[in-house]
């Protein structure tokens, strides 16, 4: 499965949004403040790293389609380190088909929540095309249901970026990027990886539009 995200993997980044937006489901209220960032770039996302989206990746491999949303990035590895979770955070991957409007309407909303039971974290993933129901299983392991596979856990951050070169470029006005210098090398992130049957995702459409959001429960 594509749960093992590694630096240098072939990935096509379709769209990247870091949003914590208002959602209301079954009387549950989620934070109404919209926040956008990439790898802890604003005070609000730094203060709530578990809900901070770093990147959204998509790619296909034959008849399989993979979605990855990274959160809680830029973690320096330490011995025994694990992914950090929060029961009050909701992760969503949205799938739009054929058209993409300014309102970002979607035809499918994959919802991932984490639950702690007896000291263990459990993944609850809903609305995955081809999964035939809610996908449930242990974090840090590959969970299979129907034609879908899910992994939620700690991985090497696959994003490549020369932060020093970026800052030097801003200061001097001259491009000073070094393609061999990766600021994110060795840093960890929490990866939500979902692998599905491509036809179940497309449902006859020729174009897919993918974006991710997070929200935190109020109260």
N, C-alpha and C. Protein backbone atom coordinates (compact mmCIF):
# COMPACT_ATOMS: atom_id res chain seq x y z
N UNK A 1 0.82 -1.19 0.00
CA UNK A 1 0.00 0.00 0.00
C UNK A 1 0.86 1.25 0.00
N UNK A 2 0.29 2.36 -0.38
CA UNK A 2 1.04 3.61 -0.47
C UNK A 2 1.16 4.31 0.86
N UNK A 3 1.06 3.57 1.97
CA UNK A 3 1.15 4.19 3.28
C UNK A 3 2.56 4.63 3.63
N UNK A 4 3.55 4.04 2.99
CA UNK A 4 4.93 4.37 3.30
C UNK A 4 5.37 5.55 2.44
N UNK A 5 5.09 6.73 2.90
CA UNK A 5 5.47 7.93 2.16
C UNK A 5 6.94 8.18 2.40
N UNK A 6 7.71 8.31 1.36
CA UNK A 6 9.14 8.54 1.50
C UNK A 6 9.56 9.69 0.61
N UNK A 7 10.65 10.35 1.00
CA UNK A 7 11.19 11.43 0.20
C UNK A 7 11.55 10.90 -1.18
N UNK A 8 11.16 11.65 -2.20
CA UNK A 8 11.49 11.27 -3.55
C UNK A 8 10.43 10.42 -4.22
N UNK A 9 9.36 10.08 -3.51
CA UNK A 9 8.28 9.31 -4.13
C UNK A 9 7.63 10.13 -5.23
N UNK A 10 7.16 9.46 -6.26
CA UNK A 10 6.51 10.16 -7.37
C UNK A 10 5.12 10.57 -6.93
N UNK A 11 4.89 11.87 -6.85
CA UNK A 11 3.61 12.37 -6.40
C UNK A 11 3.17 13.54 -7.28
N UNK A 12 1.90 13.63 -7.54
CA UNK A 12 1.34 14.77 -8.26
C UNK A 12 0.48 15.55 -7.30
N UNK A 13 0.89 16.76 -6.98
CA UNK A 13 0.14 17.56 -6.03
C UNK A 13 -0.93 18.35 -6.79
N UNK A 14 -2.18 17.93 -6.69
CA UNK A 14 -3.27 18.55 -7.42
C UNK A 14 -3.69 19.88 -6.80
N UNK A 15 -3.80 19.89 -5.47
CA UNK A 15 -4.29 21.09 -4.80
C UNK A 15 -3.92 21.00 -3.35
N UNK A 16 -3.53 22.13 -2.78
CA UNK A 16 -3.13 22.14 -1.38
C UNK A 16 -3.85 23.27 -0.66
N UNK A 17 -4.65 22.92 0.32
CA UNK A 17 -5.34 23.91 1.13
C UNK A 17 -5.19 23.52 2.58
N UNK A 18 -4.89 24.47 3.44
CA UNK A 18 -4.86 24.21 4.87
C UNK A 18 -5.95 24.99 5.53
N UNK A 19 -7.10 24.40 5.75
CA UNK A 19 -8.25 25.12 6.25
C UNK A 19 -8.85 24.46 7.47
N UNK A 20 -9.22 25.25 8.44
CA UNK A 20 -10.07 24.77 9.53
C UNK A 20 -11.35 25.57 9.41
N UNK A 21 -12.40 24.94 8.97
CA UNK A 21 -13.60 25.66 8.62
C UNK A 21 -14.79 25.19 9.43
N UNK A 22 -15.89 25.88 9.36
CA UNK A 22 -17.07 25.55 10.15
C UNK A 22 -17.83 24.40 9.51
N UNK A 23 -18.13 23.41 10.31
CA UNK A 23 -18.95 22.29 9.89
C UNK A 23 -20.00 22.05 10.94
N UNK A 24 -21.18 21.66 10.56
CA UNK A 24 -22.23 21.35 11.52
C UNK A 24 -22.87 20.03 11.15
N UNK A 25 -22.73 19.05 12.02
CA UNK A 25 -23.29 17.73 11.75
C UNK A 25 -23.98 17.22 13.01
N UNK A 26 -25.21 16.84 12.86
CA UNK A 26 -25.98 16.23 13.95
C UNK A 26 -25.88 17.03 15.25
N UNK A 27 -25.94 18.34 15.10
CA UNK A 27 -25.94 19.19 16.28
C UNK A 27 -24.58 19.50 16.85
N UNK A 28 -23.52 18.91 16.27
CA UNK A 28 -22.17 19.19 16.74
C UNK A 28 -21.64 20.43 16.05
N UNK A 29 -21.09 21.36 16.82
CA UNK A 29 -20.59 22.60 16.25
C UNK A 29 -19.08 22.55 16.14
N UNK A 30 -18.60 22.94 14.98
CA UNK A 30 -17.16 22.96 14.72
C UNK A 30 -16.71 24.40 14.56
N UNK A 31 -15.43 24.65 14.81
CA UNK A 31 -14.89 26.00 14.84
C UNK A 31 -15.22 26.78 13.58
N UNK A 32 -15.79 27.99 13.69
CA UNK A 32 -16.17 28.77 12.51
C UNK A 32 -15.03 29.59 11.94
N UNK A 33 -13.85 29.57 12.54
CA UNK A 33 -12.75 30.40 12.06
C UNK A 33 -12.01 29.69 10.95
N UNK A 34 -11.91 30.35 9.79
CA UNK A 34 -11.18 29.78 8.66
C UNK A 34 -9.72 30.16 8.77
N UNK A 35 -8.83 29.17 8.71
CA UNK A 35 -7.41 29.42 8.82
C UNK A 35 -6.69 28.66 7.71
N UNK A 36 -5.79 29.30 7.02
CA UNK A 36 -5.06 28.65 5.95
C UNK A 36 -3.57 28.76 6.20
N UNK A 37 -2.84 27.67 6.00
CA UNK A 37 -1.39 27.70 6.22
C UNK A 37 -0.75 26.49 5.58
N UNK A 38 0.55 26.47 5.56
CA UNK A 38 1.32 25.36 5.03
C UNK A 38 2.51 25.17 5.97
N UNK A 39 2.52 24.09 6.72
CA UNK A 39 3.62 23.82 7.63
C UNK A 39 3.81 24.93 8.66
N UNK A 40 2.79 25.18 9.45
CA UNK A 40 2.87 26.07 10.60
C UNK A 40 3.32 27.49 10.24
N UNK A 41 2.61 28.12 9.36
CA UNK A 41 3.02 29.44 8.92
C UNK A 41 2.23 30.58 9.56
N UNK A 42 1.25 30.26 10.40
CA UNK A 42 0.50 31.31 11.08
C UNK A 42 0.43 31.00 12.57
N UNK A 43 0.25 32.01 13.43
CA UNK A 43 0.17 31.76 14.87
C UNK A 43 -0.94 30.78 15.25
N UNK A 44 -2.08 30.87 14.58
CA UNK A 44 -3.21 30.00 14.94
C UNK A 44 -2.92 28.54 14.61
N UNK A 45 -2.26 28.28 13.50
CA UNK A 45 -1.96 26.89 13.15
C UNK A 45 -0.79 26.37 13.97
N UNK A 46 0.14 27.22 14.34
CA UNK A 46 1.23 26.80 15.22
C UNK A 46 0.65 26.36 16.57
N UNK A 47 -0.37 27.09 17.03
CA UNK A 47 -0.99 26.78 18.32
C UNK A 47 -1.83 25.52 18.27
N UNK A 48 -2.21 25.06 17.08
CA UNK A 48 -3.04 23.86 16.93
C UNK A 48 -2.44 22.98 15.86
N UNK A 49 -1.22 22.48 16.11
CA UNK A 49 -0.46 21.77 15.10
C UNK A 49 -1.15 20.49 14.64
N UNK A 50 -1.87 19.81 15.53
CA UNK A 50 -2.50 18.54 15.16
C UNK A 50 -3.53 18.74 14.05
N UNK A 51 -4.16 19.92 14.00
CA UNK A 51 -5.16 20.21 12.98
C UNK A 51 -4.59 20.96 11.78
N UNK A 52 -3.29 21.25 11.79
CA UNK A 52 -2.68 22.05 10.74
C UNK A 52 -2.33 21.18 9.53
N UNK A 53 -2.92 21.49 8.39
CA UNK A 53 -2.63 20.75 7.17
C UNK A 53 -1.31 21.24 6.57
N UNK A 54 -0.45 20.29 6.23
CA UNK A 54 0.80 20.63 5.55
C UNK A 54 0.62 20.53 4.04
N UNK A 55 0.19 19.38 3.55
CA UNK A 55 0.03 19.16 2.11
C UNK A 55 -1.08 18.17 1.83
N UNK A 56 -1.60 18.24 0.60
CA UNK A 56 -2.50 17.21 0.08
C UNK A 56 -1.89 16.70 -1.22
N UNK A 57 -1.72 15.38 -1.32
CA UNK A 57 -1.15 14.77 -2.52
C UNK A 57 -2.17 13.80 -3.13
N UNK A 58 -2.13 13.66 -4.45
CA UNK A 58 -2.93 12.64 -5.12
C UNK A 58 -2.10 12.02 -6.24
N UNK A 59 -2.32 10.76 -6.51
CA UNK A 59 -1.75 10.14 -7.69
C UNK A 59 -2.52 8.86 -7.98
N UNK A 60 -2.32 8.33 -9.17
CA UNK A 60 -2.94 7.06 -9.52
C UNK A 60 -1.86 6.06 -9.92
N UNK A 61 -2.15 4.78 -9.69
CA UNK A 61 -1.24 3.70 -10.01
C UNK A 61 -2.08 2.59 -10.61
N UNK A 62 -2.11 2.55 -11.93
CA UNK A 62 -2.98 1.59 -12.61
C UNK A 62 -4.43 1.90 -12.32
N UNK A 63 -5.15 0.95 -11.76
CA UNK A 63 -6.56 1.17 -11.44
C UNK A 63 -6.76 1.58 -9.98
N UNK A 64 -5.69 2.04 -9.31
CA UNK A 64 -5.76 2.49 -7.92
C UNK A 64 -5.56 3.99 -7.85
N UNK A 65 -6.24 4.61 -6.90
CA UNK A 65 -6.15 6.06 -6.70
C UNK A 65 -5.80 6.32 -5.24
N UNK A 66 -4.82 7.19 -5.01
CA UNK A 66 -4.31 7.44 -3.67
C UNK A 66 -4.47 8.90 -3.29
N UNK A 67 -4.99 9.13 -2.10
CA UNK A 67 -5.06 10.46 -1.51
C UNK A 67 -4.22 10.47 -0.23
N UNK A 68 -3.46 11.54 -0.05
CA UNK A 68 -2.68 11.69 1.18
C UNK A 68 -2.86 13.12 1.69
N UNK A 69 -3.19 13.24 2.97
CA UNK A 69 -3.19 14.54 3.62
C UNK A 69 -2.23 14.48 4.80
N UNK A 70 -1.23 15.36 4.77
CA UNK A 70 -0.27 15.45 5.85
C UNK A 70 -0.66 16.56 6.82
N UNK A 71 -0.57 16.29 8.10
CA UNK A 71 -0.85 17.28 9.14
C UNK A 71 0.25 17.20 10.21
N UNK A 72 0.32 18.25 11.02
CA UNK A 72 1.27 18.26 12.13
C UNK A 72 2.69 18.02 11.62
N UNK A 73 3.11 18.83 10.67
CA UNK A 73 4.41 18.66 10.05
C UNK A 73 5.54 19.32 10.82
N UNK A 74 6.73 19.20 10.26
CA UNK A 74 7.96 19.78 10.82
C UNK A 74 8.25 19.27 12.24
N UNK A 75 8.03 17.99 12.47
CA UNK A 75 8.36 17.41 13.78
C UNK A 75 9.75 16.79 13.72
N UNK A 76 10.63 17.26 14.57
CA UNK A 76 11.97 16.69 14.64
C UNK A 76 11.89 15.29 15.23
N UNK A 77 12.45 14.28 14.55
CA UNK A 77 12.35 12.90 15.05
C UNK A 77 13.03 12.74 16.41
N UNK A 78 12.39 11.97 17.27
CA UNK A 78 12.94 11.63 18.58
C UNK A 78 12.72 10.13 18.80
N UNK A 79 13.51 9.49 19.65
CA UNK A 79 13.33 8.05 19.92
C UNK A 79 11.92 7.74 20.42
N UNK A 80 11.30 6.74 19.82
CA UNK A 80 9.97 6.32 20.24
C UNK A 80 8.86 7.26 19.84
N UNK A 81 9.13 8.18 18.95
CA UNK A 81 8.11 9.16 18.55
C UNK A 81 6.94 8.50 17.84
N UNK A 82 5.73 8.98 18.12
CA UNK A 82 4.52 8.51 17.44
C UNK A 82 3.73 9.71 16.94
N UNK A 83 2.77 9.45 16.10
CA UNK A 83 1.90 10.52 15.62
C UNK A 83 1.05 11.06 16.77
N UNK A 84 0.72 12.35 16.70
CA UNK A 84 -0.13 12.96 17.72
C UNK A 84 -1.55 13.07 17.18
N UNK A 85 -2.53 12.66 17.99
CA UNK A 85 -3.92 12.67 17.58
C UNK A 85 -4.76 13.43 18.60
N UNK A 86 -5.98 13.77 18.19
CA UNK A 86 -6.92 14.48 19.05
C UNK A 86 -8.33 14.08 18.64
N UNK A 87 -9.11 13.60 19.60
CA UNK A 87 -10.48 13.17 19.29
C UNK A 87 -11.36 14.31 18.81
N UNK A 88 -11.01 15.55 19.13
CA UNK A 88 -11.84 16.69 18.77
C UNK A 88 -11.51 17.28 17.40
N UNK A 89 -10.58 16.66 16.68
CA UNK A 89 -10.21 17.15 15.34
C UNK A 89 -10.81 16.23 14.29
N UNK A 90 -11.36 16.85 13.28
CA UNK A 90 -12.00 16.15 12.16
C UNK A 90 -11.22 16.46 10.88
N UNK A 91 -10.85 15.42 10.16
CA UNK A 91 -10.12 15.57 8.90
C UNK A 91 -11.04 15.21 7.74
N UNK A 92 -11.02 16.01 6.69
CA UNK A 92 -11.86 15.72 5.53
C UNK A 92 -11.05 15.86 4.24
N UNK A 93 -11.27 14.91 3.35
CA UNK A 93 -10.75 14.98 1.99
C UNK A 93 -11.94 15.04 1.05
N UNK A 94 -12.00 16.09 0.25
CA UNK A 94 -13.16 16.36 -0.59
C UNK A 94 -12.84 16.01 -2.04
N UNK A 95 -13.81 15.40 -2.71
CA UNK A 95 -13.65 15.00 -4.10
C UNK A 95 -14.73 15.69 -4.94
N UNK A 96 -14.30 16.51 -5.87
CA UNK A 96 -15.21 17.11 -6.84
C UNK A 96 -14.99 16.45 -8.19
N UNK A 97 -16.05 16.30 -8.94
CA UNK A 97 -15.95 15.62 -10.23
C UNK A 97 -16.39 16.54 -11.36
N UNK A 98 -15.59 16.57 -12.42
CA UNK A 98 -15.88 17.28 -13.68
C UNK A 98 -15.83 18.80 -13.60
N UNK A 99 -16.25 19.41 -12.50
CA UNK A 99 -16.23 20.88 -12.43
C UNK A 99 -15.78 21.31 -11.05
N UNK A 100 -15.19 22.51 -11.00
CA UNK A 100 -14.69 23.05 -9.75
C UNK A 100 -15.13 24.50 -9.66
N UNK A 101 -16.04 24.80 -8.74
CA UNK A 101 -16.60 26.13 -8.63
C UNK A 101 -15.92 26.91 -7.52
N UNK A 102 -16.21 28.19 -7.47
CA UNK A 102 -15.62 29.04 -6.43
C UNK A 102 -16.11 28.66 -5.05
N UNK A 103 -17.22 27.95 -4.97
CA UNK A 103 -17.73 27.51 -3.68
C UNK A 103 -17.16 26.15 -3.27
N UNK A 104 -16.31 25.58 -4.12
CA UNK A 104 -15.67 24.30 -3.84
C UNK A 104 -16.68 23.23 -3.45
N UNK A 105 -17.69 23.06 -4.28
CA UNK A 105 -18.68 22.02 -4.01
C UNK A 105 -18.09 20.65 -4.31
N UNK A 106 -18.40 19.68 -3.47
CA UNK A 106 -17.85 18.34 -3.66
C UNK A 106 -18.97 17.33 -3.78
N UNK A 107 -18.66 16.22 -4.44
CA UNK A 107 -19.61 15.12 -4.57
C UNK A 107 -19.34 14.03 -3.53
N UNK A 108 -18.15 14.05 -2.95
CA UNK A 108 -17.80 13.06 -1.94
C UNK A 108 -16.93 13.70 -0.88
N UNK A 109 -17.24 13.44 0.37
CA UNK A 109 -16.46 13.98 1.49
C UNK A 109 -16.01 12.82 2.37
N UNK A 110 -14.73 12.49 2.28
CA UNK A 110 -14.17 11.45 3.13
C UNK A 110 -13.86 12.06 4.49
N UNK A 111 -14.37 11.46 5.54
CA UNK A 111 -14.21 11.98 6.89
C UNK A 111 -13.37 11.01 7.72
N UNK A 112 -12.33 11.53 8.37
CA UNK A 112 -11.47 10.71 9.22
C UNK A 112 -11.44 11.31 10.62
N UNK A 113 -11.76 10.49 11.60
CA UNK A 113 -11.69 10.88 13.01
C UNK A 113 -10.82 9.87 13.76
N UNK A 114 -10.29 10.30 14.89
CA UNK A 114 -9.49 9.41 15.73
C UNK A 114 -10.17 9.26 17.09
N UNK A 115 -10.10 8.05 17.63
CA UNK A 115 -10.71 7.77 18.92
C UNK A 115 -9.74 6.97 19.78
N UNK A 116 -9.62 7.36 21.04
CA UNK A 116 -8.72 6.67 21.95
C UNK A 116 -9.51 5.73 22.86
N UNK A 117 -9.11 4.47 22.85
CA UNK A 117 -9.76 3.46 23.69
C UNK A 117 -8.69 2.59 24.33
N UNK A 118 -8.72 2.56 25.67
CA UNK A 118 -7.79 1.71 26.43
C UNK A 118 -6.33 2.00 26.05
N UNK A 119 -6.05 3.28 25.87
CA UNK A 119 -4.68 3.68 25.57
C UNK A 119 -4.25 3.47 24.13
N UNK A 120 -5.17 3.04 23.27
CA UNK A 120 -4.85 2.81 21.87
C UNK A 120 -5.68 3.75 21.00
N UNK A 121 -5.07 4.23 19.91
CA UNK A 121 -5.78 5.11 18.99
C UNK A 121 -6.39 4.30 17.86
N UNK A 122 -7.68 4.58 17.60
CA UNK A 122 -8.43 3.90 16.55
C UNK A 122 -8.81 4.88 15.46
N UNK A 123 -8.71 4.45 14.22
CA UNK A 123 -9.10 5.24 13.05
C UNK A 123 -10.56 4.96 12.72
N UNK A 124 -11.32 6.01 12.48
CA UNK A 124 -12.70 5.90 11.99
C UNK A 124 -12.79 6.71 10.70
N UNK A 125 -12.88 6.04 9.58
CA UNK A 125 -12.92 6.71 8.28
C UNK A 125 -14.23 6.39 7.58
N UNK A 126 -14.95 7.42 7.17
CA UNK A 126 -16.27 7.25 6.56
C UNK A 126 -16.30 7.82 5.15
N UNK A 127 -17.25 7.31 4.37
CA UNK A 127 -17.56 7.81 3.02
C UNK A 127 -16.42 7.59 2.02
N UNK A 128 -15.62 6.57 2.22
CA UNK A 128 -14.55 6.27 1.26
C UNK A 128 -15.14 5.48 0.10
N UNK A 129 -15.00 5.96 -1.13
CA UNK A 129 -15.53 5.22 -2.28
C UNK A 129 -14.97 3.80 -2.34
N UNK A 130 -15.86 2.84 -2.44
CA UNK A 130 -15.46 1.44 -2.56
C UNK A 130 -15.20 0.74 -1.25
N UNK A 131 -15.34 1.45 -0.12
CA UNK A 131 -15.02 0.84 1.18
C UNK A 131 -16.18 0.02 1.73
N UNK A 132 -17.39 0.28 1.27
CA UNK A 132 -18.56 -0.47 1.74
C UNK A 132 -18.74 -0.34 3.25
N UNK A 133 -18.77 0.93 3.71
CA UNK A 133 -19.00 1.18 5.13
C UNK A 133 -17.83 1.88 5.80
N UNK A 134 -17.95 2.09 7.10
CA UNK A 134 -16.92 2.76 7.87
C UNK A 134 -15.68 1.87 8.01
N UNK A 135 -14.53 2.48 7.77
CA UNK A 135 -13.26 1.77 7.93
C UNK A 135 -12.75 2.02 9.35
N UNK A 136 -12.54 0.97 10.10
CA UNK A 136 -12.11 1.08 11.49
C UNK A 136 -10.94 0.15 11.75
N UNK A 137 -9.96 0.68 12.49
CA UNK A 137 -8.79 -0.13 12.83
C UNK A 137 -7.77 0.68 13.58
N UNK A 138 -6.67 0.04 13.93
CA UNK A 138 -5.63 0.69 14.72
C UNK A 138 -4.86 1.70 13.90
N UNK A 139 -4.47 2.81 14.55
CA UNK A 139 -3.55 3.77 13.94
C UNK A 139 -2.21 3.10 13.74
N UNK A 140 -1.41 3.66 12.85
CA UNK A 140 -0.07 3.15 12.54
C UNK A 140 -0.11 1.76 11.91
N UNK A 141 -1.24 1.39 11.31
CA UNK A 141 -1.33 0.10 10.63
C UNK A 141 -2.19 0.25 9.39
N UNK A 142 -2.02 -0.64 8.42
CA UNK A 142 -2.82 -0.61 7.20
C UNK A 142 -4.15 -1.32 7.45
N UNK A 143 -5.23 -0.61 7.18
CA UNK A 143 -6.58 -1.15 7.41
C UNK A 143 -7.24 -1.36 6.05
N UNK A 144 -7.80 -2.53 5.82
CA UNK A 144 -8.44 -2.85 4.55
C UNK A 144 -9.91 -3.11 4.75
N UNK A 145 -10.75 -2.50 3.90
CA UNK A 145 -12.19 -2.77 3.91
C UNK A 145 -12.71 -2.57 2.50
N UNK A 146 -13.40 -3.58 1.97
CA UNK A 146 -13.84 -3.50 0.59
C UNK A 146 -12.63 -3.36 -0.33
N UNK A 147 -12.69 -2.41 -1.24
CA UNK A 147 -11.56 -2.17 -2.15
C UNK A 147 -10.67 -1.04 -1.66
N UNK A 148 -10.88 -0.57 -0.43
CA UNK A 148 -10.13 0.56 0.10
C UNK A 148 -9.11 0.13 1.15
N UNK A 149 -8.03 0.91 1.24
CA UNK A 149 -7.03 0.74 2.28
C UNK A 149 -6.77 2.09 2.94
N UNK A 150 -6.55 2.06 4.25
CA UNK A 150 -6.33 3.31 5.00
C UNK A 150 -5.14 3.13 5.93
N UNK A 151 -4.33 4.19 6.00
CA UNK A 151 -3.25 4.24 6.98
C UNK A 151 -3.23 5.64 7.58
N UNK A 152 -3.14 5.72 8.90
CA UNK A 152 -2.99 7.00 9.59
C UNK A 152 -1.86 6.84 10.61
N UNK A 153 -0.79 7.60 10.44
CA UNK A 153 0.32 7.47 11.36
C UNK A 153 1.50 8.34 10.98
N UNK A 154 2.59 8.17 11.68
CA UNK A 154 3.79 8.99 11.50
C UNK A 154 4.56 8.55 10.26
N UNK A 155 4.98 9.54 9.48
CA UNK A 155 5.78 9.27 8.28
C UNK A 155 6.77 10.41 8.05
N UNK A 156 7.79 10.13 7.27
CA UNK A 156 8.73 11.15 6.83
C UNK A 156 8.00 12.17 5.95
N UNK A 157 8.19 13.45 6.22
CA UNK A 157 7.52 14.49 5.44
C UNK A 157 8.06 14.49 4.02
N UNK A 158 7.22 14.22 3.00
CA UNK A 158 7.72 14.11 1.62
C UNK A 158 7.91 15.45 0.93
N UNK A 159 7.48 16.55 1.56
CA UNK A 159 7.58 17.85 0.90
C UNK A 159 9.04 18.27 0.79
N UNK A 160 9.42 18.77 -0.39
CA UNK A 160 10.80 19.22 -0.64
C UNK A 160 10.79 20.73 -0.80
N UNK A 161 11.61 21.42 0.01
CA UNK A 161 11.64 22.88 -0.07
C UNK A 161 12.95 23.42 0.51
N UNK A 162 13.54 24.38 -0.18
CA UNK A 162 14.75 25.04 0.28
C UNK A 162 14.36 26.35 0.96
N UNK A 163 14.12 26.29 2.27
CA UNK A 163 13.68 27.48 3.01
C UNK A 163 14.76 28.55 3.04
N UNK A 164 16.02 28.14 3.20
CA UNK A 164 17.12 29.11 3.21
C UNK A 164 17.19 29.86 1.89
N UNK A 165 17.08 29.13 0.79
CA UNK A 165 17.10 29.76 -0.52
C UNK A 165 15.93 30.70 -0.72
N UNK A 166 14.78 30.32 -0.20
CA UNK A 166 13.59 31.17 -0.31
C UNK A 166 13.80 32.49 0.42
N UNK A 167 14.32 32.40 1.65
CA UNK A 167 14.55 33.62 2.42
C UNK A 167 15.61 34.50 1.79
N UNK A 168 16.67 33.88 1.28
CA UNK A 168 17.72 34.66 0.61
C UNK A 168 17.20 35.32 -0.65
N UNK A 169 16.32 34.63 -1.35
CA UNK A 169 15.72 35.21 -2.56
C UNK A 169 14.88 36.43 -2.22
N UNK A 170 14.12 36.34 -1.13
CA UNK A 170 13.30 37.48 -0.71
C UNK A 170 14.16 38.68 -0.32
N UNK A 171 15.28 38.42 0.34
CA UNK A 171 16.14 39.50 0.82
C UNK A 171 16.92 40.17 -0.31
N UNK A 172 17.33 39.39 -1.30
CA UNK A 172 18.22 39.92 -2.34
C UNK A 172 17.52 40.25 -3.64
N UNK A 173 16.34 39.65 -3.87
CA UNK A 173 15.68 39.83 -5.15
C UNK A 173 16.27 38.97 -6.25
N UNK A 174 17.24 38.13 -5.90
CA UNK A 174 17.89 37.23 -6.84
C UNK A 174 17.57 35.79 -6.47
N UNK A 175 17.25 34.98 -7.47
CA UNK A 175 16.95 33.58 -7.18
C UNK A 175 18.17 32.89 -6.60
N UNK A 176 18.01 32.31 -5.41
CA UNK A 176 19.14 31.68 -4.71
C UNK A 176 18.76 30.30 -4.19
N UNK A 177 17.89 29.61 -4.92
CA UNK A 177 17.48 28.28 -4.50
C UNK A 177 18.56 27.25 -4.85
N UNK A 178 18.71 26.28 -3.95
CA UNK A 178 19.64 25.19 -4.17
C UNK A 178 18.84 23.90 -4.27
N UNK A 179 18.78 23.27 -5.43
CA UNK A 179 17.94 22.07 -5.60
C UNK A 179 18.41 20.88 -4.78
N UNK A 180 19.60 20.96 -4.20
CA UNK A 180 20.10 19.86 -3.39
C UNK A 180 19.87 20.10 -1.91
N UNK A 181 19.26 21.24 -1.55
CA UNK A 181 19.08 21.58 -0.15
C UNK A 181 17.60 21.46 0.22
N UNK A 182 17.30 20.54 1.12
CA UNK A 182 15.91 20.29 1.51
C UNK A 182 15.75 20.57 3.00
N UNK A 183 15.04 21.64 3.33
CA UNK A 183 14.82 22.01 4.72
C UNK A 183 14.00 20.96 5.46
N UNK A 184 13.16 20.23 4.73
CA UNK A 184 12.26 19.27 5.35
C UNK A 184 12.88 17.88 5.50
N UNK A 185 14.10 17.70 5.06
CA UNK A 185 14.75 16.39 5.14
C UNK A 185 14.81 15.91 6.58
N UNK A 186 14.32 14.69 6.81
CA UNK A 186 14.37 14.11 8.14
C UNK A 186 13.24 14.51 9.06
N UNK A 187 12.39 15.45 8.64
CA UNK A 187 11.28 15.88 9.49
C UNK A 187 10.10 14.92 9.34
N UNK A 188 9.33 14.77 10.41
CA UNK A 188 8.18 13.88 10.40
C UNK A 188 6.86 14.64 10.30
N UNK A 189 5.84 13.91 9.90
CA UNK A 189 4.49 14.45 9.79
C UNK A 189 3.50 13.33 10.06
N UNK A 190 2.26 13.69 10.35
CA UNK A 190 1.19 12.69 10.47
C UNK A 190 0.52 12.55 9.11
N UNK A 191 0.52 11.36 8.56
CA UNK A 191 -0.01 11.13 7.22
C UNK A 191 -1.33 10.37 7.29
N UNK A 192 -2.32 10.88 6.58
CA UNK A 192 -3.58 10.16 6.36
C UNK A 192 -3.55 9.68 4.92
N UNK A 193 -3.44 8.38 4.73
CA UNK A 193 -3.28 7.79 3.40
C UNK A 193 -4.49 6.94 3.08
N UNK A 194 -5.12 7.21 1.95
CA UNK A 194 -6.30 6.46 1.55
C UNK A 194 -6.12 5.98 0.11
N UNK A 195 -6.16 4.67 -0.07
CA UNK A 195 -6.02 4.06 -1.39
C UNK A 195 -7.34 3.43 -1.79
N UNK A 196 -7.79 3.74 -3.01
CA UNK A 196 -9.13 3.32 -3.44
C UNK A 196 -9.10 2.81 -4.87
N UNK A 197 -10.17 2.15 -5.25
CA UNK A 197 -10.38 1.77 -6.65
C UNK A 197 -10.64 3.03 -7.46
N UNK A 198 -9.90 3.21 -8.55
CA UNK A 198 -10.00 4.43 -9.34
C UNK A 198 -11.41 4.64 -9.89
N UNK A 199 -12.03 3.59 -10.38
CA UNK A 199 -13.38 3.74 -10.94
C UNK A 199 -14.40 4.12 -9.88
N UNK A 200 -14.22 3.62 -8.66
CA UNK A 200 -15.13 3.99 -7.57
C UNK A 200 -15.02 5.47 -7.26
N UNK A 201 -13.83 6.02 -7.42
CA UNK A 201 -13.63 7.46 -7.17
C UNK A 201 -14.17 8.28 -8.33
N UNK A 202 -13.86 7.89 -9.56
CA UNK A 202 -14.24 8.68 -10.74
C UNK A 202 -15.75 8.65 -11.00
N UNK A 203 -16.36 7.50 -10.84
CA UNK A 203 -17.78 7.33 -11.14
C UNK A 203 -18.14 7.90 -12.52
N UNK A 204 -17.29 7.59 -13.50
CA UNK A 204 -17.54 8.02 -14.87
C UNK A 204 -17.02 9.39 -15.22
N UNK A 205 -16.48 10.12 -14.27
CA UNK A 205 -15.97 11.46 -14.54
C UNK A 205 -14.57 11.40 -15.14
N UNK A 206 -14.24 12.43 -15.91
CA UNK A 206 -12.93 12.51 -16.53
C UNK A 206 -11.96 13.42 -15.76
N UNK A 207 -12.51 14.22 -14.83
CA UNK A 207 -11.68 15.13 -14.05
C UNK A 207 -12.03 14.99 -12.58
N UNK A 208 -11.01 15.08 -11.74
CA UNK A 208 -11.21 15.06 -10.29
C UNK A 208 -10.55 16.29 -9.68
N UNK A 209 -11.20 16.86 -8.68
CA UNK A 209 -10.67 18.01 -7.95
C UNK A 209 -10.63 17.63 -6.47
N UNK A 210 -9.44 17.70 -5.90
CA UNK A 210 -9.23 17.21 -4.55
C UNK A 210 -8.74 18.33 -3.64
N UNK A 211 -9.32 18.45 -2.44
CA UNK A 211 -8.80 19.38 -1.45
C UNK A 211 -9.11 18.85 -0.05
N UNK A 212 -8.41 19.38 0.93
CA UNK A 212 -8.57 18.90 2.29
C UNK A 212 -8.91 20.01 3.26
N UNK A 213 -9.64 19.66 4.31
CA UNK A 213 -9.98 20.61 5.36
C UNK A 213 -9.88 19.90 6.72
N UNK A 214 -9.70 20.69 7.76
CA UNK A 214 -9.80 20.17 9.12
C UNK A 214 -10.72 21.08 9.92
N UNK A 215 -11.25 20.57 10.99
CA UNK A 215 -12.10 21.36 11.87
C UNK A 215 -11.94 20.84 13.29
N UNK A 216 -12.12 21.72 14.26
CA UNK A 216 -12.04 21.34 15.66
C UNK A 216 -13.40 21.54 16.33
N UNK A 217 -13.81 20.56 17.11
CA UNK A 217 -15.11 20.63 17.80
C UNK A 217 -15.06 21.68 18.91
N UNK A 218 -16.10 22.50 18.97
CA UNK A 218 -16.23 23.49 20.04
C UNK A 218 -16.85 22.87 21.27
N UNK A 219 -16.33 23.24 22.44
CA UNK A 219 -16.93 22.80 23.68
C UNK A 219 -16.58 21.37 24.06
